[in-house]
Amino acid sequence: MLVFPYALLSALYEDWPVYERFGRLLAEYHLLGTDAQLAELLLLSPEQRYQALLSSHKTKILERTPQHCIASYLGVTPG
């Protein structure tokens, strides 16, 4: 993960236009992922969200993730 102060990021965008495009594409990618996650949360049942998570090929990560974190991600309470 990289963290930039906003002033440094703005200067980078101004000095190197290719980074401005990169930043825009990165922001779009993040927004689409957030939108998809919100749509899942609103439109799918907890069981459907869990099945989608299992089928997303992230099972190795799920094995190492505490259940309360998975529950929070799915929008349910651990039980």
PDB file of N, CA and C in Angstrom:
ATOM      1  N   MET A   1       0.844  -1.160   0.000  1.00  0.00           N
ATOM      2  CA  MET A   1       0.000   0.000   0.000  1.00  0.00           C
ATOM      3  C   MET A   1       0.896   1.232   0.000  1.00  0.00           C
ATOM      4  N   LEU A   2       0.526   2.180  -0.793  1.00  0.00           N
ATOM      5  CA  LEU A   2       1.231   3.456  -0.828  1.00  0.00           C
ATOM      6  C   LEU A   2       0.325   4.538  -0.288  1.00  0.00           C
ATOM      7  N   VAL A   3       0.886   5.436   0.474  1.00  0.00           N
ATOM      8  CA  VAL A   3       0.132   6.561   1.012  1.00  0.00           C
ATOM      9  C   VAL A   3       0.847   7.836   0.606  1.00  0.00           C
ATOM     10  N   PHE A   4       0.113   8.736  -0.023  1.00  0.00           N
ATOM     11  CA  PHE A   4       0.661  10.015  -0.453  1.00  0.00           C
ATOM     12  C   PHE A   4      -0.135  11.138   0.195  1.00  0.00           C
ATOM     13  N   PRO A   5       0.539  12.171   0.683  1.00  0.00           N
ATOM     14  CA  PRO A   5      -0.210  13.376   1.070  1.00  0.00           C
ATOM     15  C   PRO A   5      -0.885  13.949  -0.182  1.00  0.00           C
ATOM     16  N   TYR A   6      -2.042  14.539  -0.018  1.00  0.00           N
ATOM     17  CA  TYR A   6      -2.791  15.033  -1.173  1.00  0.00           C
ATOM     18  C   TYR A   6      -1.988  16.048  -1.980  1.00  0.00           C
ATOM     19  N   ALA A   7      -1.240  16.924  -1.315  1.00  0.00           N
ATOM     20  CA  ALA A   7      -0.449  17.936  -2.024  1.00  0.00           C
ATOM     21  C   ALA A   7       0.591  17.273  -2.924  1.00  0.00           C
ATOM     22  N   LEU A   8       1.228  16.220  -2.442  1.00  0.00           N
ATOM     23  CA  LEU A   8       2.219  15.504  -3.242  1.00  0.00           C
ATOM     24  C   LEU A   8       1.556  14.815  -4.430  1.00  0.00           C
ATOM     25  N   LEU A   9       0.404  14.230  -4.187  1.00  0.00           N
ATOM     26  CA  LEU A   9      -0.332  13.573  -5.265  1.00  0.00           C
ATOM     27  C   LEU A   9      -0.761  14.579  -6.330  1.00  0.00           C
ATOM     28  N   SER A  10      -1.233  15.734  -5.917  1.00  0.00           N
ATOM     29  CA  SER A  10      -1.623  16.780  -6.876  1.00  0.00           C
ATOM     30  C   SER A  10      -0.429  17.245  -7.702  1.00  0.00           C
ATOM     31  N   ALA A  11       0.717  17.413  -7.053  1.00  0.00           N
ATOM     32  CA  ALA A  11       1.924  17.820  -7.779  1.00  0.00           C
ATOM     33  C   ALA A  11       2.339  16.740  -8.773  1.00  0.00           C
ATOM     34  N   LEU A  12       2.233  15.478  -8.365  1.00  0.00           N
ATOM     35  CA  LEU A  12       2.562  14.364  -9.253  1.00  0.00           C
ATOM     36  C   LEU A  12       1.654  14.375 -10.477  1.00  0.00           C
ATOM     37  N   TYR A  13       0.360  14.586 -10.251  1.00  0.00           N
ATOM     38  CA  TYR A  13      -0.586  14.654 -11.367  1.00  0.00           C
ATOM     39  C   TYR A  13      -0.245  15.810 -12.308  1.00  0.00           C
ATOM     40  N   GLU A  14       0.130  16.932 -11.750  1.00  0.00           N
ATOM     41  CA  GLU A  14       0.422  18.099 -12.575  1.00  0.00           C
ATOM     42  C   GLU A  14       1.715  17.917 -13.377  1.00  0.00           C
ATOM     43  N   ASP A  15       2.723  17.344 -12.751  1.00  0.00           N
ATOM     44  CA  ASP A  15       4.013  17.178 -13.411  1.00  0.00           C
ATOM     45  C   ASP A  15       4.033  16.011 -14.405  1.00  0.00           C
ATOM     46  N   TRP A  16       3.249  14.983 -14.129  1.00  0.00           N
ATOM     47  CA  TRP A  16       3.250  13.777 -14.951  1.00  0.00           C
ATOM     48  C   TRP A  16       1.798  13.401 -15.291  1.00  0.00           C
ATOM     49  N   PRO A  17       1.269  13.874 -16.401  1.00  0.00           N
ATOM     50  CA  PRO A  17      -0.135  13.594 -16.760  1.00  0.00           C
ATOM     51  C   PRO A  17      -0.494  12.115 -16.806  1.00  0.00           C
ATOM     52  N   VAL A  18       0.478  11.249 -17.080  1.00  0.00           N
ATOM     53  CA  VAL A  18       0.180   9.815 -17.121  1.00  0.00           C
ATOM     54  C   VAL A  18      -0.286   9.324 -15.748  1.00  0.00           C
ATOM     55  N   TYR A  19       0.226   9.921 -14.680  1.00  0.00           N
ATOM     56  CA  TYR A  19      -0.204   9.521 -13.339  1.00  0.00           C
ATOM     57  C   TYR A  19      -1.623  10.005 -13.029  1.00  0.00           C
ATOM     58  N   GLU A  20      -2.019  11.103 -13.648  1.00  0.00           N
ATOM     59  CA  GLU A  20      -3.393  11.561 -13.462  1.00  0.00           C
ATOM     60  C   GLU A  20      -4.360  10.534 -14.053  1.00  0.00           C
ATOM     61  N   ARG A  21      -4.027  10.017 -15.212  1.00  0.00           N
ATOM     62  CA  ARG A  21      -4.868   8.978 -15.819  1.00  0.00           C
ATOM     63  C   ARG A  21      -4.850   7.720 -14.963  1.00  0.00           C
ATOM     64  N   PHE A  22      -3.680   7.340 -14.476  1.00  0.00           N
ATOM     65  CA  PHE A  22      -3.563   6.176 -13.606  1.00  0.00           C
ATOM     66  C   PHE A  22      -4.424   6.355 -12.354  1.00  0.00           C
ATOM     67  N   GLY A  23      -4.365   7.531 -11.747  1.00  0.00           N
ATOM     68  CA  GLY A  23      -5.169   7.817 -10.556  1.00  0.00           C
ATOM     69  C   GLY A  23      -6.656   7.737 -10.842  1.00  0.00           C
ATOM     70  N   ARG A  24      -7.059   8.250 -11.992  1.00  0.00           N
ATOM     71  CA  ARG A  24      -8.475   8.190 -12.358  1.00  0.00           C
ATOM     72  C   ARG A  24      -8.918   6.752 -12.553  1.00  0.00           C
ATOM     73  N   LEU A  25      -8.103   5.966 -13.251  1.00  0.00           N
ATOM     74  CA  LEU A  25      -8.452   4.563 -13.478  1.00  0.00           C
ATOM     75  C   LEU A  25      -8.501   3.790 -12.161  1.00  0.00           C
ATOM     76  N   LEU A  26      -7.583   4.071 -11.270  1.00  0.00           N
ATOM     77  CA  LEU A  26      -7.577   3.422  -9.966  1.00  0.00           C
ATOM     78  C   LEU A  26      -8.829   3.792  -9.162  1.00  0.00           C
ATOM     79  N   ALA A  27      -9.203   5.066  -9.202  1.00  0.00           N
ATOM     80  CA  ALA A  27     -10.405   5.517  -8.498  1.00  0.00           C
ATOM     81  C   ALA A  27     -11.659   4.864  -9.091  1.00  0.00           C
ATOM     82  N   GLU A  28     -11.716   4.755 -10.418  1.00  0.00           N
ATOM     83  CA  GLU A  28     -12.852   4.103 -11.063  1.00  0.00           C
ATOM     84  C   GLU A  28     -12.943   2.634 -10.670  1.00  0.00           C
ATOM     85  N   TYR A  29     -11.811   1.957 -10.643  1.00  0.00           N
ATOM     86  CA  TYR A  29     -11.772   0.554 -10.257  1.00  0.00           C
ATOM     87  C   TYR A  29     -12.271   0.378  -8.820  1.00  0.00           C
ATOM     88  N   HIS A  30     -11.817   1.245  -7.943  1.00  0.00           N
ATOM     89  CA  HIS A  30     -12.238   1.180  -6.540  1.00  0.00           C
ATOM     90  C   HIS A  30     -13.741   1.461  -6.416  1.00  0.00           C
ATOM     91  N   LEU A  31     -14.230   2.458  -7.147  1.00  0.00           N
ATOM     92  CA  LEU A  31     -15.646   2.797  -7.093  1.00  0.00           C
ATOM     93  C   LEU A  31     -16.520   1.655  -7.601  1.00  0.00           C
ATOM     94  N   LEU A  32     -16.095   0.997  -8.675  1.00  0.00           N
ATOM     95  CA  LEU A  32     -16.865  -0.131  -9.208  1.00  0.00           C
ATOM     96  C   LEU A  32     -16.909  -1.288  -8.200  1.00  0.00           C
ATOM     97  N   GLY A  33     -15.798  -1.554  -7.539  1.00  0.00           N
ATOM     98  CA  GLY A  33     -15.776  -2.606  -6.527  1.00  0.00           C
ATOM     99  C   GLY A  33     -16.677  -2.281  -5.357  1.00  0.00           C
ATOM    100  N   THR A  34     -16.648  -1.026  -4.924  1.00  0.00           N
ATOM    101  CA  THR A  34     -17.504  -0.594  -3.818  1.00  0.00           C
ATOM    102  C   THR A  34     -18.971  -0.685  -4.221  1.00  0.00           C
ATOM    103  N   ASP A  35     -19.272  -0.275  -5.446  1.00  0.00           N
ATOM    104  CA  ASP A  35     -20.641  -0.339  -5.946  1.00  0.00           C
ATOM    105  C   ASP A  35     -21.138  -1.781  -5.999  1.00  0.00           C
ATOM    106  N   ALA A  36     -20.297  -2.692  -6.474  1.00  0.00           N
ATOM    107  CA  ALA A  36     -20.681  -4.106  -6.558  1.00  0.00           C
ATOM    108  C   ALA A  36     -20.910  -4.687  -5.164  1.00  0.00           C
ATOM    109  N   GLN A  37     -20.054  -4.324  -4.207  1.00  0.00           N
ATOM    110  CA  GLN A  37     -20.214  -4.833  -2.844  1.00  0.00           C
ATOM    111  C   GLN A  37     -21.492  -4.285  -2.215  1.00  0.00           C
ATOM    112  N   LEU A  38     -21.801  -3.020  -2.443  1.00  0.00           N
ATOM    113  CA  LEU A  38     -23.024  -2.433  -1.905  1.00  0.00           C
ATOM    114  C   LEU A  38     -24.260  -3.067  -2.535  1.00  0.00           C
ATOM    115  N   ALA A  39     -24.218  -3.324  -3.841  1.00  0.00           N
ATOM    116  CA  ALA A  39     -25.345  -3.971  -4.513  1.00  0.00           C
ATOM    117  C   ALA A  39     -25.572  -5.368  -3.946  1.00  0.00           C
ATOM    118  N   GLU A  40     -24.490  -6.116  -3.714  1.00  0.00           N
ATOM    119  CA  GLU A  40     -24.615  -7.442  -3.096  1.00  0.00           C
ATOM    120  C   GLU A  40     -25.251  -7.349  -1.728  1.00  0.00           C
ATOM    121  N   LEU A  41     -24.812  -6.376  -0.945  1.00  0.00           N
ATOM    122  CA  LEU A  41     -25.326  -6.214   0.415  1.00  0.00           C
ATOM    123  C   LEU A  41     -26.818  -5.899   0.412  1.00  0.00           C
ATOM    124  N   LEU A  42     -27.257  -5.115  -0.570  1.00  0.00           N
ATOM    125  CA  LEU A  42     -28.657  -4.707  -0.620  1.00  0.00           C
ATOM    126  C   LEU A  42     -29.567  -5.734  -1.295  1.00  0.00           C
ATOM    127  N   LEU A  43     -29.039  -6.462  -2.274  1.00  0.00           N
ATOM    128  CA  LEU A  43     -29.895  -7.303  -3.105  1.00  0.00           C
ATOM    129  C   LEU A  43     -29.863  -8.790  -2.768  1.00  0.00           C
ATOM    130  N   LEU A  44     -28.795  -9.259  -2.126  1.00  0.00           N
ATOM    131  CA  LEU A  44     -28.665 -10.688  -1.857  1.00  0.00           C
ATOM    132  C   LEU A  44     -28.930 -10.988  -0.387  1.00  0.00           C
ATOM    133  N   SER A  45     -29.407 -12.189  -0.133  1.00  0.00           N
ATOM    134  CA  SER A  45     -29.589 -12.633   1.245  1.00  0.00           C
ATOM    135  C   SER A  45     -28.215 -12.950   1.841  1.00  0.00           C
ATOM    136  N   PRO A  46     -28.118 -13.030   3.165  1.00  0.00           N
ATOM    137  CA  PRO A  46     -26.833 -13.399   3.772  1.00  0.00           C
ATOM    138  C   PRO A  46     -26.286 -14.726   3.235  1.00  0.00           C
ATOM    139  N   GLU A  47     -27.161 -15.697   3.018  1.00  0.00           N
ATOM    140  CA  GLU A  47     -26.717 -16.986   2.484  1.00  0.00           C
ATOM    141  C   GLU A  47     -26.144 -16.836   1.079  1.00  0.00           C
ATOM    142  N   GLN A  48     -26.804 -16.025   0.258  1.00  0.00           N
ATOM    143  CA  GLN A  48     -26.325 -15.799  -1.105  1.00  0.00           C
ATOM    144  C   GLN A  48     -24.982 -15.060  -1.101  1.00  0.00           C
ATOM    145  N   ARG A  49     -24.839 -14.086  -0.197  1.00  0.00           N
ATOM    146  CA  ARG A  49     -23.567 -13.370  -0.101  1.00  0.00           C
ATOM    147  C   ARG A  49     -22.453 -14.316   0.330  1.00  0.00           C
ATOM    148  N   TYR A  50     -22.758 -15.222   1.259  1.00  0.00           N
ATOM    149  CA  TYR A  50     -21.758 -16.180   1.720  1.00  0.00           C
ATOM    150  C   TYR A  50     -21.366 -17.135   0.588  1.00  0.00           C
ATOM    151  N   GLN A  51     -22.346 -17.627  -0.160  1.00  0.00           N
ATOM    152  CA  GLN A  51     -22.047 -18.515  -1.287  1.00  0.00           C
ATOM    153  C   GLN A  51     -21.210 -17.789  -2.345  1.00  0.00           C
ATOM    154  N   ALA A  52     -21.527 -16.515  -2.600  1.00  0.00           N
ATOM    155  CA  ALA A  52     -20.741 -15.742  -3.566  1.00  0.00           C
ATOM    156  C   ALA A  52     -19.304 -15.578  -3.077  1.00  0.00           C
ATOM    157  N   LEU A  53     -19.137 -15.366  -1.779  1.00  0.00           N
ATOM    158  CA  LEU A  53     -17.797 -15.243  -1.213  1.00  0.00           C
ATOM    159  C   LEU A  53     -17.023 -16.545  -1.344  1.00  0.00           C
ATOM    160  N   LEU A  54     -17.689 -17.656  -1.092  1.00  0.00           N
ATOM    161  CA  LEU A  54     -17.026 -18.956  -1.214  1.00  0.00           C
ATOM    162  C   LEU A  54     -16.620 -19.259  -2.657  1.00  0.00           C
ATOM    163  N   SER A  55     -17.429 -18.822  -3.603  1.00  0.00           N
ATOM    164  CA  SER A  55     -17.130 -19.118  -5.000  1.00  0.00           C
ATOM    165  C   SER A  55     -16.180 -18.105  -5.634  1.00  0.00           C
ATOM    166  N   SER A  56     -15.693 -17.151  -4.852  1.00  0.00           N
ATOM    167  CA  SER A  56     -14.829 -16.104  -5.408  1.00  0.00           C
ATOM    168  C   SER A  56     -13.356 -16.488  -5.408  1.00  0.00           C
ATOM    169  N   HIS A  57     -13.043 -17.746  -5.117  1.00  0.00           N
ATOM    170  CA  HIS A  57     -11.663 -18.248  -5.145  1.00  0.00           C
ATOM    171  C   HIS A  57     -10.784 -17.607  -4.082  1.00  0.00           C
ATOM    172  N   LYS A  58     -11.395 -17.171  -2.988  1.00  0.00           N
ATOM    173  CA  LYS A  58     -10.636 -16.586  -1.887  1.00  0.00           C
ATOM    174  C   LYS A  58     -10.665 -17.502  -0.666  1.00  0.00           C
ATOM    175  N   THR A  59     -10.812 -18.794  -0.907  1.00  0.00           N
ATOM    176  CA  THR A  59     -10.981 -19.722   0.212  1.00  0.00           C
ATOM    177  C   THR A  59      -9.758 -19.791   1.112  1.00  0.00           C
ATOM    178  N   LYS A  60      -8.569 -19.625   0.577  1.00  0.00           N
ATOM    179  CA  LYS A  60      -7.358 -19.648   1.414  1.00  0.00           C
ATOM    180  C   LYS A  60      -7.374 -18.475   2.396  1.00  0.00           C
ATOM    181  N   ILE A  61      -7.814 -17.333   1.933  1.00  0.00           N
ATOM    182  CA  ILE A  61      -7.911 -16.161   2.814  1.00  0.00           C
ATOM    183  C   ILE A  61      -8.979 -16.401   3.871  1.00  0.00           C
ATOM    184  N   LEU A  62     -10.093 -17.004   3.466  1.00  0.00           N
ATOM    185  CA  LEU A  62     -11.185 -17.253   4.409  1.00  0.00           C
ATOM    186  C   LEU A  62     -10.759 -18.204   5.527  1.00  0.00           C
ATOM    187  N   GLU A  63      -9.876 -19.147   5.213  1.00  0.00           N
ATOM    188  CA  GLU A  63      -9.412 -20.087   6.235  1.00  0.00           C
ATOM    189  C   GLU A  63      -8.626 -19.392   7.328  1.00  0.00           C
ATOM    190  N   ARG A  64      -7.999 -18.278   7.000  1.00  0.00           N
ATOM    191  CA  ARG A  64      -7.167 -17.560   7.961  1.00  0.00           C
ATOM    192  C   ARG A  64      -7.850 -16.341   8.555  1.00  0.00           C
ATOM    193  N   THR A  65      -9.084 -16.080   8.166  1.00  0.00           N
ATOM    194  CA  THR A  65      -9.805 -14.899   8.623  1.00  0.00           C
ATOM    195  C   THR A  65     -10.758 -15.259   9.755  1.00  0.00           C
ATOM    196  N   PRO A  66     -10.729 -14.510  10.850  1.00  0.00           N
ATOM    197  CA  PRO A  66     -11.662 -14.797  11.948  1.00  0.00           C
ATOM    198  C   PRO A  66     -13.114 -14.677  11.485  1.00  0.00           C
ATOM    199  N   GLN A  67     -13.972 -15.503  12.067  1.00  0.00           N
ATOM    200  CA  GLN A  67     -15.373 -15.535  11.654  1.00  0.00           C
ATOM    201  C   GLN A  67     -16.073 -14.197  11.863  1.00  0.00           C
ATOM    202  N   HIS A  68     -15.710 -13.472  12.915  1.00  0.00           N
ATOM    203  CA  HIS A  68     -16.382 -12.183  13.140  1.00  0.00           C
ATOM    204  C   HIS A  68     -16.044 -11.184  12.032  1.00  0.00           C
ATOM    205  N   CYS A  69     -14.862 -11.297  11.424  1.00  0.00           N
ATOM    206  CA  CYS A  69     -14.503 -10.420  10.300  1.00  0.00           C
ATOM    207  C   CYS A  69     -15.293 -10.797   9.047  1.00  0.00           C
ATOM    208  N   ILE A  70     -15.452 -12.085   8.818  1.00  0.00           N
ATOM    209  CA  ILE A  70     -16.249 -12.549   7.682  1.00  0.00           C
ATOM    210  C   ILE A  70     -17.697 -12.111   7.850  1.00  0.00           C
ATOM    211  N   ALA A  71     -18.211 -12.263   9.072  1.00  0.00           N
ATOM    212  CA  ALA A  71     -19.588 -11.854   9.345  1.00  0.00           C
ATOM    213  C   ALA A  71     -19.765 -10.354   9.092  1.00  0.00           C
ATOM    214  N   SER A  72     -18.809  -9.565   9.529  1.00  0.00           N
ATOM    215  CA  SER A  72     -18.886  -8.116   9.308  1.00  0.00           C
ATOM    216  C   SER A  72     -18.869  -7.794   7.819  1.00  0.00           C
ATOM    217  N   TYR A  73     -18.024  -8.458   7.062  1.00  0.00           N
ATOM    218  CA  TYR A  73     -17.948  -8.257   5.622  1.00  0.00           C
ATOM    219  C   TYR A  73     -19.269  -8.607   4.946  1.00  0.00           C
ATOM    220  N   LEU A  74     -19.926  -9.665   5.437  1.00  0.00           N
ATOM    221  CA  LEU A  74     -21.199 -10.109   4.860  1.00  0.00           C
ATOM    222  C   LEU A  74     -22.383  -9.291   5.360  1.00  0.00           C
ATOM    223  N   GLY A  75     -22.166  -8.474   6.383  1.00  0.00           N
ATOM    224  CA  GLY A  75     -23.241  -7.653   6.928  1.00  0.00           C
ATOM    225  C   GLY A  75     -24.161  -8.397   7.866  1.00  0.00           C
ATOM    226  N   VAL A  76     -23.631  -9.401   8.553  1.00  0.00           N
ATOM    227  CA  VAL A  76     -24.413 -10.162   9.535  1.00  0.00           C
ATOM    228  C   VAL A  76     -23.670 -10.169  10.857  1.00  0.00           C
ATOM    229  N   THR A  77     -24.360 -10.563  11.904  1.00  0.00           N
ATOM    230  CA  THR A  77     -23.703 -10.681  13.193  1.00  0.00           C
ATOM    231  C   THR A  77     -23.201 -12.122  13.362  1.00  0.00           C
ATOM    232  N   PRO A  78     -22.023 -12.284  13.958  1.00  0.00           N
ATOM    233  CA  PRO A  78     -21.537 -13.652  14.178  1.00  0.00           C
ATOM    234  C   PRO A  78     -22.419 -14.378  15.171  1.00  0.00           C
ATOM    235  N   GLY A  79     -22.561 -15.675  14.942  1.00  0.00           N
ATOM    236  CA  GLY A  79     -23.443 -16.378  15.858  1.00  0.00           C
ATOM    237  C   GLY A  79     -23.164 -17.810  16.001  1.00  0.00           C
TER     238      GLY A  79
END
